Amino acid sequence: AEAAVGGLFSAQMVIPLVHSYILGVYLDIPIATLENEFTNAITAIDHRAPSLPCDPHYFDNKPVGRHSR
């Protein structure tokens, strides 16, 4: 499924990564390790997934449907 938002793909993955980070805190993983892994995950996601263009239907008030030609 395509995202309706534009920008970096990692922006869509922040919540699951934060969940993992919080779980790591409860598992007594050192904060420095959690921060390093979080940063590495964001970097890897953005490296593998291209930046998505902003959808003009959402951001430029372009009409949707048959009138969009």
PDB file of N, CA and C in Angstrom:
ATOM      1  N   ALA A   1       0.834  -1.182   0.000  1.00  0.00           N
ATOM      2  CA  ALA A   1       0.000   0.000   0.000  1.00  0.00           C
ATOM      3  C   ALA A   1       0.875   1.241   0.000  1.00  0.00           C
ATOM      4  N   GLU A   2       0.480   2.220  -0.761  1.00  0.00           N
ATOM      5  CA  GLU A   2       1.231   3.463  -0.808  1.00  0.00           C
ATOM      6  C   GLU A   2       0.815   4.365   0.339  1.00  0.00           C
ATOM      7  N   ALA A   3       1.759   5.139   0.772  1.00  0.00           N
ATOM      8  CA  ALA A   3       1.473   6.092   1.844  1.00  0.00           C
ATOM      9  C   ALA A   3       0.789   7.317   1.272  1.00  0.00           C
ATOM     10  N   ALA A   4      -0.069   7.919   2.058  1.00  0.00           N
ATOM     11  CA  ALA A   4      -0.736   9.147   1.635  1.00  0.00           C
ATOM     12  C   ALA A   4       0.097  10.368   1.995  1.00  0.00           C
ATOM     13  N   VAL A   5       1.191  10.138   2.674  1.00  0.00           N
ATOM     14  CA  VAL A   5       2.062  11.235   3.077  1.00  0.00           C
ATOM     15  C   VAL A   5       3.321  11.209   2.238  1.00  0.00           C
ATOM     16  N   GLY A   6       3.975  12.334   2.157  1.00  0.00           N
ATOM     17  CA  GLY A   6       5.246  12.385   1.464  1.00  0.00           C
ATOM     18  C   GLY A   6       6.380  12.447   2.466  1.00  0.00           C
ATOM     19  N   GLY A   7       7.578  12.438   1.952  1.00  0.00           N
ATOM     20  CA  GLY A   7       8.744  12.571   2.811  1.00  0.00           C
ATOM     21  C   GLY A   7       9.448  11.254   3.039  1.00  0.00           C
ATOM     22  N   LEU A   8      10.210  11.214   4.095  1.00  0.00           N
ATOM     23  CA  LEU A   8      11.009  10.035   4.397  1.00  0.00           C
ATOM     24  C   LEU A   8      10.137   8.883   4.887  1.00  0.00           C
ATOM     25  N   PHE A   9      10.457   7.685   4.406  1.00  0.00           N
ATOM     26  CA  PHE A   9       9.697   6.499   4.784  1.00  0.00           C
ATOM     27  C   PHE A   9       9.821   6.214   6.280  1.00  0.00           C
ATOM     28  N   SER A  10      10.954   6.579   6.863  1.00  0.00           N
ATOM     29  CA  SER A  10      11.149   6.317   8.293  1.00  0.00           C
ATOM     30  C   SER A  10      10.125   7.045   9.156  1.00  0.00           C
ATOM     31  N   ALA A  11       9.547   8.128   8.638  1.00  0.00           N
ATOM     32  CA  ALA A  11       8.531   8.856   9.404  1.00  0.00           C
ATOM     33  C   ALA A  11       7.326   7.965   9.696  1.00  0.00           C
ATOM     34  N   GLN A  12       7.089   6.983   8.826  1.00  0.00           N
ATOM     35  CA  GLN A  12       5.976   6.062   9.025  1.00  0.00           C
ATOM     36  C   GLN A  12       6.340   4.929   9.981  1.00  0.00           C
ATOM     37  N   MET A  13       7.633   4.786  10.271  1.00  0.00           N
ATOM     38  CA  MET A  13       8.105   3.677  11.090  1.00  0.00           C
ATOM     39  C   MET A  13       8.494   4.094  12.503  1.00  0.00           C
ATOM     40  N   VAL A  14       8.351   5.355  12.833  1.00  0.00           N
ATOM     41  CA  VAL A  14       8.815   5.837  14.133  1.00  0.00           C
ATOM     42  C   VAL A  14       8.081   5.163  15.285  1.00  0.00           C
ATOM     43  N   ILE A  15       6.767   5.037  15.197  1.00  0.00           N
ATOM     44  CA  ILE A  15       6.000   4.461  16.314  1.00  0.00           C
ATOM     45  C   ILE A  15       6.430   3.022  16.614  1.00  0.00           C
ATOM     46  N   PRO A  16       6.530   2.128  15.618  1.00  0.00           N
ATOM     47  CA  PRO A  16       7.020   0.778  15.941  1.00  0.00           C
ATOM     48  C   PRO A  16       8.433   0.785  16.527  1.00  0.00           C
ATOM     49  N   LEU A  17       9.276   1.694  16.046  1.00  0.00           N
ATOM     50  CA  LEU A  17      10.632   1.771  16.590  1.00  0.00           C
ATOM     51  C   LEU A  17      10.621   2.277  18.031  1.00  0.00           C
ATOM     52  N   VAL A  18       9.739   3.204  18.333  1.00  0.00           N
ATOM     53  CA  VAL A  18       9.620   3.698  19.712  1.00  0.00           C
ATOM     54  C   VAL A  18       9.108   2.579  20.620  1.00  0.00           C
ATOM     55  N   HIS A  19       8.193   1.770  20.124  1.00  0.00           N
ATOM     56  CA  HIS A  19       7.711   0.625  20.916  1.00  0.00           C
ATOM     57  C   HIS A  19       8.876  -0.298  21.266  1.00  0.00           C
ATOM     58  N   SER A  20       9.726  -0.575  20.290  1.00  0.00           N
ATOM     59  CA  SER A  20      10.897  -1.425  20.532  1.00  0.00           C
ATOM     60  C   SER A  20      11.846  -0.776  21.531  1.00  0.00           C
ATOM     61  N   TYR A  21      12.019   0.528  21.412  1.00  0.00           N
ATOM     62  CA  TYR A  21      12.889   1.279  22.323  1.00  0.00           C
ATOM     63  C   TYR A  21      12.375   1.157  23.762  1.00  0.00           C
ATOM     64  N   ILE A  22      11.077   1.374  23.939  1.00  0.00           N
ATOM     65  CA  ILE A  22      10.483   1.299  25.282  1.00  0.00           C
ATOM     66  C   ILE A  22      10.605  -0.114  25.849  1.00  0.00           C
ATOM     67  N   LEU A  23      10.368  -1.116  25.012  1.00  0.00           N
ATOM     68  CA  LEU A  23      10.540  -2.497  25.460  1.00  0.00           C
ATOM     69  C   LEU A  23      11.975  -2.730  25.911  1.00  0.00           C
ATOM     70  N   GLY A  24      12.928  -2.184  25.165  1.00  0.00           N
ATOM     71  CA  GLY A  24      14.336  -2.309  25.542  1.00  0.00           C
ATOM     72  C   GLY A  24      14.641  -1.685  26.889  1.00  0.00           C
ATOM     73  N   VAL A  25      13.984  -0.570  27.200  1.00  0.00           N
ATOM     74  CA  VAL A  25      14.169   0.068  28.512  1.00  0.00           C
ATOM     75  C   VAL A  25      13.734  -0.897  29.614  1.00  0.00           C
ATOM     76  N   TYR A  26      12.582  -1.547  29.430  1.00  0.00           N
ATOM     77  CA  TYR A  26      12.082  -2.487  30.435  1.00  0.00           C
ATOM     78  C   TYR A  26      12.924  -3.751  30.520  1.00  0.00           C
ATOM     79  N   LEU A  27      13.646  -4.062  29.443  1.00  0.00           N
ATOM     80  CA  LEU A  27      14.524  -5.233  29.451  1.00  0.00           C
ATOM     81  C   LEU A  27      15.931  -4.887  29.932  1.00  0.00           C
ATOM     82  N   ASP A  28      16.099  -3.667  30.443  1.00  0.00           N
ATOM     83  CA  ASP A  28      17.380  -3.193  30.988  1.00  0.00           C
ATOM     84  C   ASP A  28      18.506  -3.155  29.961  1.00  0.00           C
ATOM     85  N   ILE A  29      18.168  -2.896  28.716  1.00  0.00           N
ATOM     86  CA  ILE A  29      19.190  -2.675  27.690  1.00  0.00           C
ATOM     87  C   ILE A  29      19.706  -1.254  27.889  1.00  0.00           C
ATOM     88  N   PRO A  30      21.020  -1.061  27.874  1.00  0.00           N
ATOM     89  CA  PRO A  30      21.563   0.282  28.103  1.00  0.00           C
ATOM     90  C   PRO A  30      20.992   1.311  27.122  1.00  0.00           C
ATOM     91  N   ILE A  31      20.704   2.511  27.641  1.00  0.00           N
ATOM     92  CA  ILE A  31      20.118   3.578  26.828  1.00  0.00           C
ATOM     93  C   ILE A  31      21.003   3.897  25.629  1.00  0.00           C
ATOM     94  N   ALA A  32      22.313   3.903  25.820  1.00  0.00           N
ATOM     95  CA  ALA A  32      23.227   4.192  24.704  1.00  0.00           C
ATOM     96  C   ALA A  32      23.042   3.172  23.581  1.00  0.00           C
ATOM     97  N   THR A  33      22.850   1.916  23.936  1.00  0.00           N
ATOM     98  CA  THR A  33      22.617   0.867  22.933  1.00  0.00           C
ATOM     99  C   THR A  33      21.293   1.093  22.225  1.00  0.00           C
ATOM    100  N   LEU A  34      20.253   1.415  22.986  1.00  0.00           N
ATOM    101  CA  LEU A  34      18.935   1.657  22.393  1.00  0.00           C
ATOM    102  C   LEU A  34      18.973   2.843  21.437  1.00  0.00           C
ATOM    103  N   GLU A  35      19.629   3.922  21.852  1.00  0.00           N
ATOM    104  CA  GLU A  35      19.718   5.105  20.992  1.00  0.00           C
ATOM    105  C   GLU A  35      20.502   4.805  19.722  1.00  0.00           C
ATOM    106  N   ASN A  36      21.579   4.033  19.856  1.00  0.00           N
ATOM    107  CA  ASN A  36      22.379   3.661  18.692  1.00  0.00           C
ATOM    108  C   ASN A  36      21.570   2.800  17.726  1.00  0.00           C
ATOM    109  N   GLU A  37      20.863   1.822  18.253  1.00  0.00           N
ATOM    110  CA  GLU A  37      20.046   0.947  17.404  1.00  0.00           C
ATOM    111  C   GLU A  37      18.903   1.715  16.741  1.00  0.00           C
ATOM    112  N   PHE A  38      18.282   2.637  17.472  1.00  0.00           N
ATOM    113  CA  PHE A  38      17.204   3.454  16.915  1.00  0.00           C
ATOM    114  C   PHE A  38      17.730   4.286  15.744  1.00  0.00           C
ATOM    115  N   THR A  39      18.867   4.947  15.951  1.00  0.00           N
ATOM    116  CA  THR A  39      19.474   5.769  14.900  1.00  0.00           C
ATOM    117  C   THR A  39      19.865   4.917  13.703  1.00  0.00           C
ATOM    118  N   ASN A  40      20.455   3.755  13.954  1.00  0.00           N
ATOM    119  CA  ASN A  40      20.837   2.856  12.859  1.00  0.00           C
ATOM    120  C   ASN A  40      19.619   2.378  12.077  1.00  0.00           C
ATOM    121  N   ALA A  41      18.524   2.093  12.773  1.00  0.00           N
ATOM    122  CA  ALA A  41      17.307   1.636  12.094  1.00  0.00           C
ATOM    123  C   ALA A  41      16.737   2.732  11.200  1.00  0.00           C
ATOM    124  N   ILE A  42      16.671   3.955  11.701  1.00  0.00           N
ATOM    125  CA  ILE A  42      16.163   5.075  10.900  1.00  0.00           C
ATOM    126  C   ILE A  42      17.031   5.274   9.664  1.00  0.00           C
ATOM    127  N   THR A  43      18.342   5.243   9.853  1.00  0.00           N
ATOM    128  CA  THR A  43      19.274   5.421   8.735  1.00  0.00           C
ATOM    129  C   THR A  43      19.101   4.317   7.704  1.00  0.00           C
ATOM    130  N   ALA A  44      18.979   3.074   8.150  1.00  0.00           N
ATOM    131  CA  ALA A  44      18.819   1.945   7.228  1.00  0.00           C
ATOM    132  C   ALA A  44      17.504   2.031   6.461  1.00  0.00           C
ATOM    133  N   ILE A  45      16.436   2.393   7.141  1.00  0.00           N
ATOM    134  CA  ILE A  45      15.131   2.515   6.478  1.00  0.00           C
ATOM    135  C   ILE A  45      15.184   3.588   5.402  1.00  0.00           C
ATOM    136  N   ASP A  46      15.741   4.745   5.738  1.00  0.00           N
ATOM    137  CA  ASP A  46      15.806   5.839   4.768  1.00  0.00           C
ATOM    138  C   ASP A  46      16.759   5.533   3.623  1.00  0.00           C
ATOM    139  N   HIS A  47      17.775   4.719   3.884  1.00  0.00           N
ATOM    140  CA  HIS A  47      18.720   4.349   2.824  1.00  0.00           C
ATOM    141  C   HIS A  47      18.076   3.393   1.820  1.00  0.00           C
ATOM    142  N   ARG A  48      17.257   2.471   2.306  1.00  0.00           N
ATOM    143  CA  ARG A  48      16.650   1.456   1.435  1.00  0.00           C
ATOM    144  C   ARG A  48      15.372   1.926   0.748  1.00  0.00           C
ATOM    145  N   ALA A  49      14.633   2.799   1.391  1.00  0.00           N
ATOM    146  CA  ALA A  49      13.359   3.260   0.826  1.00  0.00           C
ATOM    147  C   ALA A  49      13.525   4.690   0.323  1.00  0.00           C
ATOM    148  N   PRO A  50      13.130   4.938  -0.910  1.00  0.00           N
ATOM    149  CA  PRO A  50      13.268   6.302  -1.439  1.00  0.00           C
ATOM    150  C   PRO A  50      12.315   7.267  -0.746  1.00  0.00           C
ATOM    151  N   SER A  51      12.678   8.516  -0.790  1.00  0.00           N
ATOM    152  CA  SER A  51      11.806   9.560  -0.268  1.00  0.00           C
ATOM    153  C   SER A  51      10.557   9.613  -1.139  1.00  0.00           C
ATOM    154  N   LEU A  52       9.411   9.675  -0.512  1.00  0.00           N
ATOM    155  CA  LEU A  52       8.156   9.693  -1.257  1.00  0.00           C
ATOM    156  C   LEU A  52       7.775  11.125  -1.606  1.00  0.00           C
ATOM    157  N   PRO A  53       7.363  11.362  -2.841  1.00  0.00           N
ATOM    158  CA  PRO A  53       6.923  12.717  -3.175  1.00  0.00           C
ATOM    159  C   PRO A  53       5.607  13.031  -2.457  1.00  0.00           C
ATOM    160  N   CYS A  54       5.415  14.266  -2.138  1.00  0.00           N
ATOM    161  CA  CYS A  54       4.164  14.676  -1.496  1.00  0.00           C
ATOM    162  C   CYS A  54       3.020  14.547  -2.494  1.00  0.00           C
ATOM    163  N   ASP A  55       1.936  13.968  -2.077  1.00  0.00           N
ATOM    164  CA  ASP A  55       0.779  13.769  -2.940  1.00  0.00           C
ATOM    165  C   ASP A  55       0.082  15.106  -3.171  1.00  0.00           C
ATOM    166  N   PRO A  56      -0.005  15.561  -4.434  1.00  0.00           N
ATOM    167  CA  PRO A  56      -0.614  16.863  -4.700  1.00  0.00           C
ATOM    168  C   PRO A  56      -2.092  16.933  -4.318  1.00  0.00           C
ATOM    169  N   HIS A  57      -2.761  15.780  -4.217  1.00  0.00           N
ATOM    170  CA  HIS A  57      -4.166  15.786  -3.810  1.00  0.00           C
ATOM    171  C   HIS A  57      -4.308  16.217  -2.350  1.00  0.00           C
ATOM    172  N   TYR A  58      -3.290  15.951  -1.573  1.00  0.00           N
ATOM    173  CA  TYR A  58      -3.327  16.331  -0.164  1.00  0.00           C
ATOM    174  C   TYR A  58      -2.666  17.676   0.091  1.00  0.00           C
ATOM    175  N   PHE A  59      -1.567  17.933  -0.619  1.00  0.00           N
ATOM    176  CA  PHE A  59      -0.742  19.079  -0.273  1.00  0.00           C
ATOM    177  C   PHE A  59      -0.902  20.279  -1.200  1.00  0.00           C
ATOM    178  N   ASP A  60      -1.434  20.094  -2.401  1.00  0.00           N
ATOM    179  CA  ASP A  60      -1.590  21.205  -3.345  1.00  0.00           C
ATOM    180  C   ASP A  60      -3.044  21.447  -3.724  1.00  0.00           C
ATOM    181  N   ASN A  61      -3.974  20.839  -2.990  1.00  0.00           N
ATOM    182  CA  ASN A  61      -5.412  21.001  -3.241  1.00  0.00           C
ATOM    183  C   ASN A  61      -5.818  20.629  -4.660  1.00  0.00           C
ATOM    184  N   LYS A  62      -5.171  19.611  -5.227  1.00  0.00           N
ATOM    185  CA  LYS A  62      -5.539  19.126  -6.557  1.00  0.00           C
ATOM    186  C   LYS A  62      -6.788  18.255  -6.422  1.00  0.00           C
ATOM    187  N   PRO A  63      -7.706  18.343  -7.384  1.00  0.00           N
ATOM    188  CA  PRO A  63      -8.916  17.513  -7.310  1.00  0.00           C
ATOM    189  C   PRO A  63      -8.595  16.031  -7.506  1.00  0.00           C
ATOM    190  N   VAL A  64      -9.446  15.188  -6.969  1.00  0.00           N
ATOM    191  CA  VAL A  64      -9.293  13.747  -7.081  1.00  0.00           C
ATOM    192  C   VAL A  64     -10.385  13.218  -7.998  1.00  0.00           C
ATOM    193  N   GLY A  65     -10.057  12.218  -8.801  1.00  0.00           N
ATOM    194  CA  GLY A  65     -11.061  11.588  -9.649  1.00  0.00           C
ATOM    195  C   GLY A  65     -11.013  12.074 -11.077  1.00  0.00           C
ATOM    196  N   ARG A  66     -12.149  11.970 -11.763  1.00  0.00           N
ATOM    197  CA  ARG A  66     -12.188  12.271 -13.194  1.00  0.00           C
ATOM    198  C   ARG A  66     -11.945  13.742 -13.496  1.00  0.00           C
ATOM    199  N   HIS A  67     -12.097  14.608 -12.535  1.00  0.00           N
ATOM    200  CA  HIS A  67     -11.875  16.036 -12.753  1.00  0.00           C
ATOM    201  C   HIS A  67     -10.418  16.434 -12.571  1.00  0.00           C
ATOM    202  N   SER A  68      -9.553  15.463 -12.290  1.00  0.00           N
ATOM    203  CA  SER A  68      -8.162  15.787 -11.987  1.00  0.00           C
ATOM    204  C   SER A  68      -7.293  15.924 -13.230  1.00  0.00           C
ATOM    205  N   ARG A  69      -7.847  15.789 -14.425  1.00  0.00           N
ATOM    206  CA  ARG A  69      -7.049  15.879 -15.655  1.00  0.00           C
ATOM    207  C   ARG A  69      -6.662  17.258 -15.985  1.00  0.00           C
TER     208      ARG A  69
END
